[in-house]
Amino acid sequence: MVNKSNTLGGNHPAFPVQAYPGDAANPKVRPNTGMSMRDYFAAQAMNGLLANPEEFGEEVPAKELAEYAFEVANAMLEQREKI
């Protein structure tokens, strides 16, 4: 499986924090990009999938659920580029 975390357009940080001057204890605070939009979307999709297991009709292995969650995330990123 190809890691598309940085190859899809629009996969920016979900919760970026800009660098800012620190204080005496931490003179320089570096930016923190947090999780990617792709990871955030996949986590939200996984949350929905796990909240509604009856939609599958049978037990689905976690690996398959995770793969599907990232398929949803990729589709969401692609759709964001169209808007």
N, C-alpha and C. Protein backbone atom coordinates (compact mmCIF):
# COMPACT_ATOMS: atom_id res chain seq x y z
N MET A 1 0.84 -1.17 0.00
CA MET A 1 0.00 0.00 0.00
C MET A 1 0.89 1.24 0.00
N VAL A 2 0.58 2.18 -0.86
CA VAL A 2 1.35 3.40 -0.98
C VAL A 2 0.93 4.38 0.11
N ASN A 3 1.90 5.00 0.75
CA ASN A 3 1.61 6.02 1.75
C ASN A 3 1.26 7.31 1.01
N LYS A 4 0.00 7.68 1.04
CA LYS A 4 -0.45 8.87 0.33
C LYS A 4 -0.56 10.07 1.25
N SER A 5 -0.01 9.98 2.44
CA SER A 5 -0.21 11.05 3.41
C SER A 5 0.25 12.40 2.92
N ASN A 6 1.26 12.44 2.06
CA ASN A 6 1.74 13.72 1.58
C ASN A 6 1.58 13.89 0.08
N THR A 7 0.91 12.95 -0.58
CA THR A 7 0.81 13.03 -2.02
C THR A 7 -0.52 13.60 -2.49
N LEU A 8 -1.54 13.57 -1.65
CA LEU A 8 -2.84 14.10 -2.05
C LEU A 8 -2.88 15.59 -1.81
N GLY A 9 -3.44 16.31 -2.74
CA GLY A 9 -3.58 17.75 -2.56
C GLY A 9 -4.49 18.04 -1.39
N GLY A 10 -4.20 19.10 -0.69
CA GLY A 10 -5.05 19.49 0.42
C GLY A 10 -4.77 18.76 1.72
N ASN A 11 -3.77 17.90 1.75
CA ASN A 11 -3.48 17.17 2.99
C ASN A 11 -2.61 18.03 3.89
N HIS A 12 -3.19 19.09 4.38
CA HIS A 12 -2.50 20.02 5.25
C HIS A 12 -2.66 19.57 6.70
N PRO A 13 -1.91 20.19 7.59
CA PRO A 13 -2.10 19.86 9.01
C PRO A 13 -3.52 20.16 9.44
N ALA A 14 -4.08 19.30 10.28
CA ALA A 14 -5.44 19.48 10.76
C ALA A 14 -5.52 20.56 11.84
N PHE A 15 -4.53 20.62 12.69
CA PHE A 15 -4.53 21.58 13.80
C PHE A 15 -3.16 22.23 13.95
N PRO A 16 -2.74 23.02 12.97
CA PRO A 16 -1.40 23.61 13.05
C PRO A 16 -1.29 24.66 14.14
N VAL A 17 -0.09 24.75 14.68
CA VAL A 17 0.22 25.79 15.67
C VAL A 17 1.46 26.50 15.14
N GLN A 18 1.36 27.80 14.95
CA GLN A 18 2.49 28.55 14.43
C GLN A 18 3.56 28.72 15.51
N ALA A 19 4.79 28.93 15.03
CA ALA A 19 5.87 29.22 15.96
C ALA A 19 5.63 30.58 16.59
N TYR A 20 6.02 30.73 17.82
CA TYR A 20 5.88 32.01 18.50
C TYR A 20 7.02 32.18 19.48
N PRO A 21 7.31 33.41 19.85
CA PRO A 21 8.39 33.62 20.82
C PRO A 21 8.02 32.94 22.13
N GLY A 22 8.95 32.27 22.70
CA GLY A 22 8.69 31.58 23.95
C GLY A 22 8.91 32.47 25.16
N ASP A 23 9.18 31.84 26.26
CA ASP A 23 9.44 32.57 27.50
C ASP A 23 10.84 32.20 27.99
N ALA A 24 11.17 32.56 29.21
CA ALA A 24 12.51 32.29 29.74
C ALA A 24 12.82 30.80 29.78
N ALA A 25 11.82 29.99 30.08
CA ALA A 25 12.04 28.54 30.17
C ALA A 25 12.18 27.91 28.79
N ASN A 26 11.43 28.42 27.82
CA ASN A 26 11.45 27.89 26.46
C ASN A 26 11.59 29.06 25.49
N PRO A 27 12.83 29.48 25.25
CA PRO A 27 13.03 30.69 24.46
C PRO A 27 12.49 30.61 23.03
N LYS A 28 12.45 29.44 22.45
CA LYS A 28 11.93 29.32 21.09
C LYS A 28 10.96 28.16 21.02
N VAL A 29 9.75 28.44 20.69
CA VAL A 29 8.74 27.40 20.56
C VAL A 29 8.57 27.13 19.07
N ARG A 30 8.76 25.92 18.67
CA ARG A 30 8.68 25.56 17.25
C ARG A 30 7.25 25.26 16.84
N PRO A 31 6.98 25.42 15.56
CA PRO A 31 5.62 25.10 15.11
C PRO A 31 5.33 23.61 15.26
N ASN A 32 4.09 23.32 15.46
CA ASN A 32 3.65 21.94 15.59
C ASN A 32 2.55 21.73 14.57
N THR A 33 2.78 20.84 13.64
CA THR A 33 1.79 20.63 12.59
C THR A 33 0.65 19.74 13.03
N GLY A 34 0.82 19.00 14.11
CA GLY A 34 -0.25 18.11 14.54
C GLY A 34 -0.48 17.00 13.52
N MET A 35 -1.64 16.41 13.58
CA MET A 35 -1.94 15.34 12.63
C MET A 35 -2.33 15.92 11.28
N SER A 36 -2.21 15.11 10.25
CA SER A 36 -2.58 15.56 8.91
C SER A 36 -4.10 15.54 8.75
N MET A 37 -4.57 16.26 7.76
CA MET A 37 -6.00 16.24 7.46
C MET A 37 -6.43 14.81 7.13
N ARG A 38 -5.58 14.09 6.42
CA ARG A 38 -5.91 12.70 6.04
C ARG A 38 -6.11 11.84 7.29
N ASP A 39 -5.20 11.96 8.24
CA ASP A 39 -5.33 11.19 9.48
C ASP A 39 -6.58 11.60 10.25
N TYR A 40 -6.86 12.90 10.28
CA TYR A 40 -8.05 13.38 10.98
C TYR A 40 -9.32 12.83 10.33
N PHE A 41 -9.40 12.92 9.00
CA PHE A 41 -10.57 12.40 8.30
C PHE A 41 -10.71 10.90 8.50
N ALA A 42 -9.59 10.17 8.46
CA ALA A 42 -9.64 8.72 8.65
C ALA A 42 -10.12 8.39 10.07
N ALA A 43 -9.66 9.15 11.05
CA ALA A 43 -10.09 8.90 12.43
C ALA A 43 -11.59 9.14 12.58
N GLN A 44 -12.10 10.19 11.93
CA GLN A 44 -13.52 10.47 11.99
C GLN A 44 -14.33 9.38 11.29
N ALA A 45 -13.82 8.91 10.15
CA ALA A 45 -14.50 7.82 9.44
C ALA A 45 -14.50 6.55 10.29
N MET A 46 -13.36 6.25 10.92
CA MET A 46 -13.26 5.06 11.77
C MET A 46 -14.23 5.15 12.93
N ASN A 47 -14.37 6.34 13.50
CA ASN A 47 -15.31 6.55 14.60
C ASN A 47 -16.72 6.19 14.15
N GLY A 48 -17.10 6.65 12.98
CA GLY A 48 -18.43 6.33 12.46
C GLY A 48 -18.60 4.85 12.15
N LEU A 49 -17.58 4.25 11.59
CA LEU A 49 -17.64 2.82 11.27
C LEU A 49 -17.81 1.99 12.54
N LEU A 50 -17.06 2.31 13.57
CA LEU A 50 -17.14 1.54 14.81
C LEU A 50 -18.42 1.81 15.59
N ALA A 51 -19.01 2.97 15.38
CA ALA A 51 -20.26 3.31 16.06
C ALA A 51 -21.47 2.62 15.44
N ASN A 52 -21.31 2.12 14.21
CA ASN A 52 -22.42 1.50 13.48
C ASN A 52 -22.03 0.13 12.92
N PRO A 53 -21.63 -0.81 13.76
CA PRO A 53 -21.16 -2.11 13.26
C PRO A 53 -22.25 -2.89 12.53
N GLU A 54 -23.52 -2.62 12.83
CA GLU A 54 -24.60 -3.37 12.17
C GLU A 54 -24.66 -3.10 10.67
N GLU A 55 -24.04 -2.04 10.22
CA GLU A 55 -24.02 -1.71 8.79
C GLU A 55 -23.27 -2.76 7.98
N PHE A 56 -22.37 -3.53 8.63
CA PHE A 56 -21.56 -4.50 7.91
C PHE A 56 -22.19 -5.88 7.89
N GLY A 57 -23.06 -6.16 8.82
CA GLY A 57 -23.73 -7.45 8.85
C GLY A 57 -22.88 -8.60 9.36
N GLU A 58 -21.60 -8.39 9.53
CA GLU A 58 -20.72 -9.42 10.05
C GLU A 58 -19.48 -8.75 10.64
N GLU A 59 -18.69 -9.53 11.35
CA GLU A 59 -17.47 -8.97 11.91
C GLU A 59 -16.46 -8.72 10.80
N VAL A 60 -15.91 -7.54 10.79
CA VAL A 60 -14.92 -7.17 9.79
C VAL A 60 -13.59 -6.98 10.51
N PRO A 61 -12.51 -7.56 9.98
CA PRO A 61 -11.21 -7.39 10.62
C PRO A 61 -10.82 -5.91 10.71
N ALA A 62 -10.13 -5.56 11.79
CA ALA A 62 -9.72 -4.17 12.03
C ALA A 62 -8.90 -3.62 10.87
N LYS A 63 -8.06 -4.45 10.28
CA LYS A 63 -7.23 -3.98 9.17
C LYS A 63 -8.10 -3.51 8.00
N GLU A 64 -9.16 -4.24 7.72
CA GLU A 64 -10.06 -3.85 6.63
C GLU A 64 -10.80 -2.56 6.96
N LEU A 65 -11.21 -2.40 8.22
CA LEU A 65 -11.87 -1.17 8.64
C LEU A 65 -10.93 0.02 8.49
N ALA A 66 -9.68 -0.17 8.91
CA ALA A 66 -8.69 0.91 8.81
C ALA A 66 -8.44 1.29 7.35
N GLU A 67 -8.33 0.28 6.49
CA GLU A 67 -8.11 0.56 5.06
C GLU A 67 -9.29 1.34 4.49
N TYR A 68 -10.50 0.95 4.86
CA TYR A 68 -11.68 1.64 4.37
C TYR A 68 -11.73 3.07 4.90
N ALA A 69 -11.36 3.26 6.16
CA ALA A 69 -11.36 4.60 6.75
C ALA A 69 -10.41 5.52 5.96
N PHE A 70 -9.27 5.00 5.55
CA PHE A 70 -8.34 5.82 4.77
C PHE A 70 -8.82 6.02 3.34
N GLU A 71 -9.57 5.07 2.80
CA GLU A 71 -10.19 5.29 1.48
C GLU A 71 -11.17 6.45 1.56
N VAL A 72 -11.95 6.49 2.64
CA VAL A 72 -12.90 7.59 2.85
C VAL A 72 -12.13 8.90 2.99
N ALA A 73 -11.06 8.89 3.77
CA ALA A 73 -10.24 10.10 3.97
C ALA A 73 -9.68 10.60 2.65
N ASN A 74 -9.17 9.68 1.83
CA ASN A 74 -8.63 10.07 0.53
C ASN A 74 -9.71 10.69 -0.35
N ALA A 75 -10.90 10.12 -0.33
CA ALA A 75 -12.01 10.66 -1.11
C ALA A 75 -12.39 12.06 -0.62
N MET A 76 -12.35 12.25 0.68
CA MET A 76 -12.68 13.57 1.23
C MET A 76 -11.64 14.61 0.81
N LEU A 77 -10.36 14.23 0.82
CA LEU A 77 -9.32 15.16 0.38
C LEU A 77 -9.48 15.50 -1.10
N GLU A 78 -9.79 14.50 -1.90
CA GLU A 78 -9.98 14.74 -3.34
C GLU A 78 -11.18 15.66 -3.57
N GLN A 79 -12.24 15.47 -2.81
CA GLN A 79 -13.42 16.31 -2.95
C GLN A 79 -13.14 17.74 -2.52
N ARG A 80 -12.33 17.92 -1.49
CA ARG A 80 -11.98 19.27 -1.02
C ARG A 80 -11.29 20.06 -2.13
N GLU A 81 -10.51 19.39 -2.95
CA GLU A 81 -9.80 20.07 -4.04
C GLU A 81 -10.76 20.60 -5.10
N LYS A 82 -11.94 19.98 -5.21
CA LYS A 82 -12.92 20.37 -6.22
C LYS A 82 -13.75 21.58 -5.79
N ILE A 83 -13.77 21.83 -4.51
CA ILE A 83 -14.63 22.90 -3.98
C ILE A 83 -13.94 24.25 -4.12
